Amino acid sequence: MGARKSKAVFSADPEQMKKVELLVKEGSYRSPSEFVREAISEKLVRLQQARLARQVERLCAGGGAGDGVDLIEWQAFEDV
């Protein structure tokens, strides 16, 4: 059985919602909720990638490009 889902209420621009509803109507998504879940997942991945890039940049700027790369990757991709 899958993990329990939490419910949330959010506000969105009416024009954005029209676009989401059109995507649902076209069959790209089963529901607006599915669209929002996917959008959240994609945003979280981008944030993790940006965090990793910043950590690598700091490490390289400090002259330690060969040291600690595994630790940085582990920290950047651990569950938050």
C-alpha atoms as a PDB file:
ATOM      1  CA  MET A   1       0.000   0.000   0.000  1.00  0.00           C
ATOM      2  CA  GLY A   2       1.280   3.507  -0.798  1.00  0.00           C
ATOM      3  CA  ALA A   3       2.051   6.282   1.604  1.00  0.00           C
ATOM      4  CA  ARG A   4      -0.787   8.407   2.908  1.00  0.00           C
ATOM      5  CA  LYS A   5      -1.287  11.653   1.068  1.00  0.00           C
ATOM      6  CA  SER A   6      -1.712  14.943   2.848  1.00  0.00           C
ATOM      7  CA  LYS A   7      -4.301  17.413   1.712  1.00  0.00           C
ATOM      8  CA  ALA A   8      -3.480  21.069   1.184  1.00  0.00           C
ATOM      9  CA  VAL A   9      -5.332  24.120   0.010  1.00  0.00           C
ATOM     10  CA  PHE A  10      -3.531  26.564  -2.246  1.00  0.00           C
ATOM     11  CA  SER A  11      -4.287  29.694  -4.187  1.00  0.00           C
ATOM     12  CA  ALA A  12      -3.416  29.986  -7.856  1.00  0.00           C
ATOM     13  CA  ASP A  13      -3.759  32.574 -10.540  1.00  0.00           C
ATOM     14  CA  PRO A  14      -7.012  31.991 -12.482  1.00  0.00           C
ATOM     15  CA  GLU A  15      -5.122  31.921 -15.783  1.00  0.00           C
ATOM     16  CA  GLN A  16      -2.779  29.239 -14.443  1.00  0.00           C
ATOM     17  CA  MET A  17      -5.734  27.164 -13.295  1.00  0.00           C
ATOM     18  CA  LYS A  18      -7.349  27.458 -16.727  1.00  0.00           C
ATOM     19  CA  LYS A  19      -4.157  26.050 -18.255  1.00  0.00           C
ATOM     20  CA  VAL A  20      -4.071  23.210 -15.728  1.00  0.00           C
ATOM     21  CA  GLU A  21      -7.731  22.414 -16.347  1.00  0.00           C
ATOM     22  CA  LEU A  22      -7.062  22.363 -20.099  1.00  0.00           C
ATOM     23  CA  LEU A  23      -4.218  19.880 -19.567  1.00  0.00           C
ATOM     24  CA  VAL A  24      -6.576  17.701 -17.528  1.00  0.00           C
ATOM     25  CA  LYS A  25      -9.281  17.951 -20.186  1.00  0.00           C
ATOM     26  CA  GLU A  26      -6.740  16.989 -22.888  1.00  0.00           C
ATOM     27  CA  GLY A  27      -5.789  13.926 -20.840  1.00  0.00           C
ATOM     28  CA  SER A  28      -2.253  15.000 -19.909  1.00  0.00           C
ATOM     29  CA  TYR A  29      -3.195  14.631 -16.233  1.00  0.00           C
ATOM     30  CA  ARG A  30      -6.002  12.796 -14.456  1.00  0.00           C
ATOM     31  CA  SER A  31      -6.743  15.726 -12.173  1.00  0.00           C
ATOM     32  CA  PRO A  32      -5.437  19.112 -11.052  1.00  0.00           C
ATOM     33  CA  SER A  33      -4.112  17.328  -7.942  1.00  0.00           C
ATOM     34  CA  GLU A  34      -1.970  15.043 -10.079  1.00  0.00           C
ATOM     35  CA  PHE A  35      -0.560  18.094 -11.878  1.00  0.00           C
ATOM     36  CA  VAL A  36       0.266  19.798  -8.566  1.00  0.00           C
ATOM     37  CA  ARG A  37       1.925  16.651  -7.154  1.00  0.00           C
ATOM     38  CA  GLU A  38       4.127  16.372 -10.241  1.00  0.00           C
ATOM     39  CA  ALA A  39       4.960  20.095 -10.162  1.00  0.00           C
ATOM     40  CA  ILE A  40       5.990  19.826  -6.503  1.00  0.00           C
ATOM     41  CA  SER A  41       8.175  16.793  -7.238  1.00  0.00           C
ATOM     42  CA  GLU A  42       9.904  18.572 -10.117  1.00  0.00           C
ATOM     43  CA  LYS A  43      10.518  21.679  -8.006  1.00  0.00           C
ATOM     44  CA  LEU A  44      12.008  19.617  -5.173  1.00  0.00           C
ATOM     45  CA  VAL A  45      14.405  17.914  -7.611  1.00  0.00           C
ATOM     46  CA  ARG A  46      15.503  21.296  -9.013  1.00  0.00           C
ATOM     47  CA  LEU A  47      16.093  22.622  -5.488  1.00  0.00           C
ATOM     48  CA  GLN A  48      18.206  19.564  -4.602  1.00  0.00           C
ATOM     49  CA  GLN A  49      20.250  19.976  -7.792  1.00  0.00           C
ATOM     50  CA  ALA A  50      20.808  23.680  -7.079  1.00  0.00           C
ATOM     51  CA  ARG A  51      21.864  22.849  -3.518  1.00  0.00           C
ATOM     52  CA  LEU A  52      24.357  20.273  -4.776  1.00  0.00           C
ATOM     53  CA  ALA A  53      25.739  22.737  -7.328  1.00  0.00           C
ATOM     54  CA  ARG A  54      26.259  25.386  -4.610  1.00  0.00           C
ATOM     55  CA  GLN A  55      28.023  22.882  -2.356  1.00  0.00           C
ATOM     56  CA  VAL A  56      30.321  21.702  -5.147  1.00  0.00           C
ATOM     57  CA  GLU A  57      31.059  25.314  -6.084  1.00  0.00           C
ATOM     58  CA  ARG A  58      32.023  26.119  -2.472  1.00  0.00           C
ATOM     59  CA  LEU A  59      34.160  22.997  -2.263  1.00  0.00           C
ATOM     60  CA  CYS A  60      35.970  23.787  -5.511  1.00  0.00           C
ATOM     61  CA  ALA A  61      36.468  27.429  -4.512  1.00  0.00           C
ATOM     62  CA  GLY A  62      38.142  26.214  -1.329  1.00  0.00           C
ATOM     63  CA  GLY A  63      40.597  24.100  -3.299  1.00  0.00           C
ATOM     64  CA  GLY A  64      39.222  20.800  -2.061  1.00  0.00           C
ATOM     65  CA  ALA A  65      37.749  19.517  -5.321  1.00  0.00           C
ATOM     66  CA  GLY A  66      38.922  15.973  -4.659  1.00  0.00           C
ATOM     67  CA  ASP A  67      37.929  15.802  -1.000  1.00  0.00           C
ATOM     68  CA  GLY A  68      34.461  15.204   0.332  1.00  0.00           C
ATOM     69  CA  VAL A  69      32.563  14.891  -2.963  1.00  0.00           C
ATOM     70  CA  ASP A  70      30.799  11.735  -1.738  1.00  0.00           C
ATOM     71  CA  LEU A  71      29.760  13.519   1.444  1.00  0.00           C
ATOM     72  CA  ILE A  72      28.392  16.492  -0.505  1.00  0.00           C
ATOM     73  CA  GLU A  73      26.382  14.220  -2.803  1.00  0.00           C
ATOM     74  CA  TRP A  74      25.015  12.268   0.141  1.00  0.00           C
ATOM     75  CA  GLN A  75      23.985  15.444   1.970  1.00  0.00           C
ATOM     76  CA  ALA A  76      22.424  17.011  -1.111  1.00  0.00           C
ATOM     77  CA  PHE A  77      20.259  13.996  -1.884  1.00  0.00           C
ATOM     78  CA  GLU A  78      19.340  12.765   1.578  1.00  0.00           C
ATOM     79  CA  ASP A  79      15.643  12.904   2.396  1.00  0.00           C
ATOM     80  CA  VAL A  80      14.676  16.229   3.876  1.00  0.00           C
END
